[in-house]
Amino acid sequence: MAKITQQLKPDTVLKNYWRDKEQFADLFNAALCDGRQVMQRNIT
């Protein structure tokens, strides 16, 4: 039987995903701009 070491809630996973600016820009460009790089990945 596998030992569960840590349970992550879906909300935590999504917050961690959206916190990464590169991932946000890539998803935004792919979903809303047909893959064109409208939003830069090096946002500060």
Protein backbone atom coordinates (compact mmCIF):
# COMPACT_ATOMS: atom_id res chain seq x y z
CA MET A 1 0.00 0.00 0.00
CA ALA A 2 1.38 3.43 -0.99
CA LYS A 3 2.10 5.92 1.73
CA ILE A 4 0.64 9.39 1.16
CA THR A 5 3.21 11.93 2.25
CA GLN A 6 1.35 15.17 1.60
CA GLN A 7 -2.09 16.17 0.36
CA LEU A 8 -2.33 19.32 -1.75
CA LYS A 9 -5.66 20.98 -2.23
CA PRO A 10 -6.56 22.01 -5.80
CA ASP A 11 -6.62 25.66 -4.71
CA THR A 12 -3.00 25.45 -3.55
CA VAL A 13 -1.92 23.88 -6.83
CA LEU A 14 -3.63 26.62 -8.86
CA LYS A 15 -2.18 29.41 -6.72
CA ASN A 16 1.31 28.00 -7.22
CA TYR A 17 0.70 27.71 -10.98
CA TRP A 18 -0.55 31.30 -11.40
CA ARG A 19 2.27 32.67 -9.23
CA ASP A 20 4.78 31.72 -11.96
CA LYS A 21 4.81 34.64 -14.40
CA GLU A 22 6.21 32.59 -17.28
CA GLN A 23 3.45 29.99 -17.01
CA PHE A 24 0.80 32.71 -16.84
CA ALA A 25 2.16 34.47 -19.95
CA ASP A 26 2.43 31.22 -21.91
CA LEU A 27 -1.12 30.17 -21.08
CA PHE A 28 -2.50 33.66 -21.74
CA ASN A 29 -0.80 33.85 -25.14
CA ALA A 30 -1.87 30.35 -26.14
CA ALA A 31 -5.48 30.65 -25.04
CA LEU A 32 -6.34 34.22 -25.95
CA CYS A 33 -3.90 35.17 -28.70
CA ASP A 34 -3.73 32.01 -30.82
CA GLY A 35 -0.17 31.34 -29.72
CA ARG A 36 1.21 34.74 -30.68
CA GLN A 37 3.52 36.21 -28.06
CA VAL A 38 1.53 39.25 -26.99
CA MET A 39 2.38 39.10 -23.31
CA GLN A 40 6.08 38.94 -22.53
CA ARG A 41 7.36 36.16 -20.28
CA ASN A 42 9.88 38.35 -18.45
CA ILE A 43 7.35 40.50 -16.62
CA THR A 44 8.63 42.11 -13.42
